[in-house]
């Protein structure tokens, strides 16, 4: 559910509703309404939320449960190290 995903992402990033509202340019009440499933964010806002949390809109909408990691600016060697860490954690 979109409302649960927004709240989960906000809490896992240690951000209050007020802080998220300020960063997205909306009111605290708006964030609260999203999280309580009273209203849905607009498509434009959904994209803005996804970009803020660095997730896909499909992830927010529960259409895809894959989590991505932005490695922009890292060298190929650093990316390879990250892949190895992930593989080790997953037991590959």
Protein backbone atom coordinates (compact mmCIF):
# COMPACT_ATOMS: atom_id res chain seq x y z
CA UNK A 1 0.00 0.00 0.00
CA UNK A 2 1.23 3.45 -0.93
CA UNK A 3 0.41 4.99 2.44
CA UNK A 4 2.37 2.32 4.32
CA UNK A 5 5.34 2.58 1.97
CA UNK A 6 5.57 6.35 2.40
CA UNK A 7 5.45 6.01 6.18
CA UNK A 8 7.94 3.12 6.23
CA UNK A 9 10.41 5.04 4.06
CA UNK A 10 10.00 8.19 6.13
CA UNK A 11 10.58 6.36 9.42
CA UNK A 12 13.50 4.31 8.11
CA UNK A 13 15.16 7.58 7.09
CA UNK A 14 14.47 9.12 10.51
CA UNK A 15 12.44 11.95 9.01
CA UNK A 16 9.42 13.50 10.70
CA UNK A 17 6.24 14.32 8.83
CA UNK A 18 7.12 18.00 9.19
CA UNK A 19 10.59 17.47 7.69
CA UNK A 20 9.23 15.44 4.77
CA UNK A 21 6.55 18.04 4.13
CA UNK A 22 9.15 20.83 4.08
CA UNK A 23 11.40 18.92 1.69
CA UNK A 24 8.52 18.15 -0.67
CA UNK A 25 6.95 21.61 -0.43
CA UNK A 26 3.65 20.47 1.07
CA UNK A 27 1.98 20.78 4.46
CA UNK A 28 2.49 18.37 7.35
CA UNK A 29 -1.24 17.66 7.12
CA UNK A 30 -0.78 16.55 3.53
CA UNK A 31 1.88 13.99 4.53
CA UNK A 32 -0.32 12.83 7.40
CA UNK A 33 -3.26 12.41 5.01
CA UNK A 34 -1.12 10.31 2.64
CA UNK A 35 0.11 8.10 5.47
CA UNK A 36 -3.39 7.63 6.88
CA UNK A 37 -4.72 6.82 3.40
CA UNK A 38 -7.18 9.74 3.40
CA UNK A 39 -5.83 11.14 0.13
CA UNK A 40 -3.36 10.03 -2.54
CA UNK A 41 -0.49 12.17 -3.78
CA UNK A 42 -0.78 13.49 -7.31
CA UNK A 43 1.23 11.77 -10.02
CA UNK A 44 3.74 14.63 -9.99
CA UNK A 45 4.06 14.37 -6.22
CA UNK A 46 4.41 10.59 -6.42
CA UNK A 47 7.41 11.07 -8.70
CA UNK A 48 8.82 13.68 -6.33
CA UNK A 49 8.42 11.30 -3.35
CA UNK A 50 10.10 8.49 -5.29
CA UNK A 51 13.03 10.72 -6.23
CA UNK A 52 13.36 11.99 -2.67
CA UNK A 53 13.59 8.47 -1.24
CA UNK A 54 15.54 7.17 -4.27
CA UNK A 55 13.04 4.44 -5.04
CA UNK A 56 10.90 3.75 -8.10
CA UNK A 57 7.27 4.73 -8.33
CA UNK A 58 6.57 1.02 -8.86
CA UNK A 59 8.17 0.36 -5.47
CA UNK A 60 6.00 3.02 -3.83
CA UNK A 61 2.89 1.56 -5.43
CA UNK A 62 3.80 -2.03 -4.45
CA UNK A 63 4.13 -3.07 -8.09
CA UNK A 64 7.79 -3.98 -7.63
CA UNK A 65 9.53 -4.97 -4.42
CA UNK A 66 13.05 -4.47 -5.75
CA UNK A 67 15.16 -1.93 -3.93
CA UNK A 68 17.83 -0.09 -5.86
CA UNK A 69 21.00 1.62 -4.77
CA UNK A 70 22.26 4.77 -6.47
CA UNK A 71 25.94 4.25 -7.25
CA UNK A 72 26.35 7.38 -9.34
CA UNK A 73 29.83 8.77 -8.92
CA UNK A 74 31.40 5.51 -7.78
CA UNK A 75 34.13 3.83 -9.75
CA UNK A 76 33.63 0.42 -11.33
CA UNK A 77 35.93 -1.03 -8.67
CA UNK A 78 33.80 0.46 -5.88
CA UNK A 79 30.64 -0.86 -7.52
CA UNK A 80 32.21 -4.31 -7.78
CA UNK A 81 32.99 -4.19 -4.04
CA UNK A 82 29.38 -3.30 -3.27
CA UNK A 83 28.16 -6.17 -5.46
CA UNK A 84 30.46 -8.55 -3.60
CA UNK A 85 29.12 -7.36 -0.22
CA UNK A 86 25.53 -7.87 -1.40
CA UNK A 87 26.38 -11.32 -2.76
CA UNK A 88 28.03 -12.25 0.55
CA UNK A 89 24.96 -11.12 2.49
CA UNK A 90 22.66 -13.09 0.17
CA UNK A 91 24.93 -16.15 0.42
CA UNK A 92 25.79 -16.29 -3.27
